[in-house]
Amino acid sequence: MREIPITDDEKQDFSIDANGESIEIKVRYNAVISQWSMSVVGQQDGMVLATGLTIMDTIRPYNFTVYSNNKTGVSPHNYDDFSGGNYSLILLERDDMIKVRGYDVS
């Protein structure tokens, strides 16, 4: 399990490594509706970044979740919620997902 750094930029494109696989990620902030969203390129588009939810609905050996560091239970809605430390985007890697699911996937 590790934190994925999110800045306060409204448009962010980057790659991370998960279990030897390069994952392209697009993170967007929509100021009109005060909402963060994330796409995993080629796998799942437009996932809302909401507190406490496991984000991807596809069977992968990794997943993402949003943690509320301030423990309000409210989803991130300000442009600086991640960069200000109120929320963290967490990558759950293979070992973490085995604990969550109780089995491995490839």
Protein backbone atom coordinates (compact mmCIF):
# COMPACT_ATOMS: atom_id res chain seq x y z
CA MET A 1 0.00 0.00 0.00
CA ARG A 2 1.39 3.39 -0.92
CA GLU A 3 0.22 6.95 -1.37
CA ILE A 4 0.04 8.41 -4.88
CA PRO A 5 0.91 12.13 -4.71
CA ILE A 6 -1.79 14.42 -6.12
CA THR A 7 -1.08 18.14 -6.54
CA ASP A 8 -3.63 20.96 -6.74
CA ASP A 9 -3.34 21.12 -10.55
CA GLU A 10 -6.70 20.62 -12.27
CA LYS A 11 -5.18 18.33 -14.93
CA GLN A 12 -2.56 15.72 -14.04
CA ASP A 13 -1.18 12.90 -16.23
CA PHE A 14 1.44 10.49 -14.89
CA SER A 15 2.53 6.85 -14.73
CA ILE A 16 3.17 4.65 -11.73
CA ASP A 17 4.51 1.14 -11.33
CA ALA A 18 2.31 -1.49 -9.68
CA ASN A 19 3.58 -5.05 -9.42
CA GLY A 20 5.89 -4.53 -12.39
CA GLU A 21 3.13 -3.05 -14.55
CA SER A 22 3.23 0.57 -15.71
CA ILE A 23 -0.12 2.25 -15.12
CA GLU A 24 -1.03 5.51 -16.86
CA ILE A 25 -3.26 7.72 -14.73
CA LYS A 26 -5.19 10.89 -15.48
CA VAL A 27 -6.52 12.91 -12.54
CA ARG A 28 -8.90 15.82 -13.11
CA TYR A 29 -10.53 18.44 -10.91
CA ASN A 30 -13.81 19.97 -12.07
CA ALA A 31 -14.20 23.32 -10.32
CA VAL A 32 -17.78 23.80 -11.58
CA ILE A 33 -19.03 20.78 -9.61
CA SER A 34 -16.18 20.65 -7.05
CA GLN A 35 -15.24 17.06 -7.88
CA TRP A 36 -12.06 15.05 -8.40
CA SER A 37 -12.01 12.15 -10.87
CA MET A 38 -9.43 9.67 -12.10
CA SER A 39 -8.99 7.52 -15.19
CA VAL A 40 -6.69 4.52 -15.52
CA VAL A 41 -5.81 4.73 -19.20
CA GLY A 42 -7.08 1.78 -21.22
CA GLN A 43 -8.91 0.26 -18.27
CA GLN A 44 -11.45 2.52 -16.63
CA ASP A 45 -12.45 6.13 -17.27
CA GLY A 46 -13.99 8.86 -15.15
CA MET A 47 -13.98 7.27 -11.71
CA VAL A 48 -15.07 9.75 -9.05
CA LEU A 49 -12.54 10.04 -6.23
CA ALA A 50 -14.77 9.45 -3.22
CA THR A 51 -13.72 8.70 0.33
CA GLY A 52 -13.52 5.09 1.41
CA LEU A 53 -14.44 3.49 -1.89
CA THR A 54 -12.38 0.94 -3.75
CA ILE A 55 -12.36 2.70 -7.07
CA MET A 56 -11.87 0.21 -9.89
CA ASP A 57 -14.62 -2.25 -10.69
CA THR A 58 -12.40 -4.39 -12.91
CA ILE A 59 -10.54 -7.43 -11.63
CA ARG A 60 -6.91 -6.33 -11.43
CA PRO A 61 -4.13 -7.28 -9.00
CA TYR A 62 -4.19 -3.66 -7.75
CA ASN A 63 -6.80 -1.06 -6.89
CA PHE A 64 -7.13 2.46 -5.49
CA THR A 65 -8.92 4.01 -2.55
CA VAL A 66 -9.26 7.51 -1.11
CA TYR A 67 -8.47 7.96 2.56
CA SER A 68 -9.81 10.88 4.59
CA ASN A 69 -6.87 12.00 6.76
CA ASN A 70 -9.12 14.47 8.54
CA LYS A 71 -11.63 11.67 9.24
CA THR A 72 -14.67 13.73 8.21
CA GLY A 73 -16.05 10.99 5.96
CA VAL A 74 -16.78 13.66 3.34
CA SER A 75 -15.33 13.12 -0.14
CA PRO A 76 -12.68 15.53 -1.47
CA HIS A 77 -14.27 18.56 -3.10
CA ASN A 78 -11.68 21.37 -2.89
CA TYR A 79 -8.86 21.78 -5.39
CA ASP A 80 -6.27 21.56 -2.60
CA ASP A 81 -7.78 18.66 -0.63
CA PHE A 82 -5.03 16.24 -1.72
CA SER A 83 -2.09 18.65 -1.76
CA GLY A 84 -3.21 20.13 1.58
CA GLY A 85 -3.10 16.73 3.26
CA ASN A 86 -6.82 16.32 3.94
CA TYR A 87 -7.04 13.27 1.65
CA SER A 88 -4.71 10.63 0.23
CA LEU A 89 -5.04 8.57 -2.93
CA ILE A 90 -3.81 5.10 -1.98
CA LEU A 91 -2.63 2.36 -4.33
CA LEU A 92 -3.49 -1.09 -3.01
CA GLU A 93 -0.95 -3.48 -4.53
CA ARG A 94 -1.18 -7.24 -5.09
CA ASP A 95 -0.43 -8.25 -1.48
CA ASP A 96 -2.97 -5.72 -0.19
CA MET A 97 -5.65 -6.96 -2.59
CA ILE A 98 -5.06 -10.61 -1.62
CA LYS A 99 -5.86 -9.58 1.96
CA VAL A 100 -8.98 -7.69 0.81
CA ARG A 101 -10.31 -10.39 -1.56
CA GLY A 102 -8.91 -13.48 0.14
CA TYR A 103 -7.41 -14.71 -3.16
CA ASP A 104 -5.00 -13.63 -5.92
CA VAL A 105 -5.82 -12.55 -9.47
CA SER A 106 -3.48 -12.15 -12.43
